Amino acid sequence: MMWPMYGWGFGWFWWLMPMAMVAFWGLVICGIVVLVRRGSRGYGRTDSRSESALDILKRRYAAGEINKQEFEEKKKDLS
């Protein structure tokens, strides 16, 4: 006599478990994707957006991209 009540009491469980497993594996996959993306950015590199214009100018002069005259003119323009 109690079997119909037993079925109604656990009926929601059979829908909840598959949905919970899909959600769990979805979160695991999203976590892996986030870790891979974060690792591929290269945290040790300097970002050119964080450098000031004067730092970039000094780096270009040190690399030989511009000569002393150009360096002095651009430095004067920046200050």
Protein backbone atom coordinates (compact mmCIF):
# COMPACT_ATOMS: atom_id res chain seq x y z
CA MET A 1 0.00 0.00 0.00
CA MET A 2 2.92 2.37 0.48
CA TRP A 3 4.58 1.88 -2.92
CA PRO A 4 2.73 4.73 -4.70
CA MET A 5 3.73 7.15 -1.94
CA TYR A 6 7.32 5.95 -2.17
CA GLY A 7 7.42 6.70 -5.88
CA TRP A 8 6.10 10.22 -5.48
CA GLY A 9 8.54 11.01 -2.72
CA PHE A 10 11.63 10.27 -4.83
CA GLY A 11 10.33 11.23 -8.27
CA TRP A 12 12.12 14.57 -8.29
CA PHE A 13 15.42 12.85 -7.47
CA TRP A 14 15.57 11.07 -10.83
CA TRP A 15 15.45 14.43 -12.66
CA LEU A 16 17.76 16.23 -10.27
CA MET A 17 20.72 13.85 -10.50
CA PRO A 18 21.24 13.99 -14.30
CA MET A 19 20.89 17.78 -14.25
CA ALA A 20 23.36 18.01 -11.36
CA MET A 21 25.86 15.85 -13.25
CA VAL A 22 25.57 18.03 -16.37
CA ALA A 23 26.05 21.15 -14.25
CA PHE A 24 29.03 19.60 -12.46
CA TRP A 25 30.83 18.60 -15.68
CA GLY A 26 29.97 21.97 -17.22
CA LEU A 27 31.66 23.74 -14.30
CA VAL A 28 34.69 21.45 -14.54
CA ILE A 29 35.07 22.16 -18.27
CA CYS A 30 34.62 25.92 -17.74
CA GLY A 31 37.24 25.85 -14.98
CA ILE A 32 39.73 24.10 -17.25
CA VAL A 33 39.09 26.62 -20.03
CA VAL A 34 39.64 29.54 -17.63
CA LEU A 35 42.90 28.04 -16.35
CA VAL A 36 44.20 27.42 -19.88
CA ARG A 37 43.32 30.93 -21.00
CA ARG A 38 44.88 32.47 -17.90
CA GLY A 39 48.07 30.47 -18.40
CA SER A 40 48.40 31.43 -22.06
CA ARG A 41 48.43 35.16 -21.33
CA GLY A 42 51.98 35.08 -20.00
CA TYR A 43 51.96 36.84 -16.66
CA GLY A 44 55.71 37.45 -16.74
CA ARG A 45 55.57 39.71 -19.79
CA THR A 46 55.42 43.47 -19.50
CA ASP A 47 52.35 44.95 -21.07
CA SER A 48 53.01 47.87 -23.43
CA ARG A 49 49.83 49.55 -22.16
CA SER A 50 51.34 49.86 -18.69
CA GLU A 51 54.45 51.65 -19.94
CA SER A 52 54.53 55.40 -20.04
CA ALA A 53 55.27 57.24 -23.27
CA LEU A 54 58.70 58.25 -21.95
CA ASP A 55 59.53 54.60 -21.15
CA ILE A 56 58.61 53.58 -24.68
CA LEU A 57 60.71 56.42 -26.08
CA LYS A 58 63.71 55.36 -23.98
CA ARG A 59 63.30 51.76 -25.09
CA ARG A 60 63.16 52.80 -28.76
CA TYR A 61 66.29 54.94 -28.35
CA ALA A 62 68.12 52.11 -26.59
CA ALA A 63 67.14 49.69 -29.37
CA GLY A 64 68.47 52.09 -32.00
CA GLU A 65 65.11 52.72 -33.64
CA ILE A 66 65.54 56.50 -33.29
CA ASN A 67 68.63 58.66 -33.11
CA LYS A 68 69.65 61.12 -30.34
CA GLN A 69 68.16 64.14 -32.11
CA GLU A 70 64.77 62.46 -32.51
CA PHE A 71 64.92 61.26 -28.92
CA GLU A 72 65.57 64.77 -27.59
CA GLU A 73 62.81 66.30 -29.74
CA LYS A 74 60.22 63.75 -28.70
CA LYS A 75 61.30 63.95 -25.05
CA LYS A 76 60.82 67.72 -25.17
CA ASP A 77 57.38 67.25 -26.73
CA LEU A 78 56.35 64.87 -23.99
CA SER A 79 57.43 67.08 -21.09
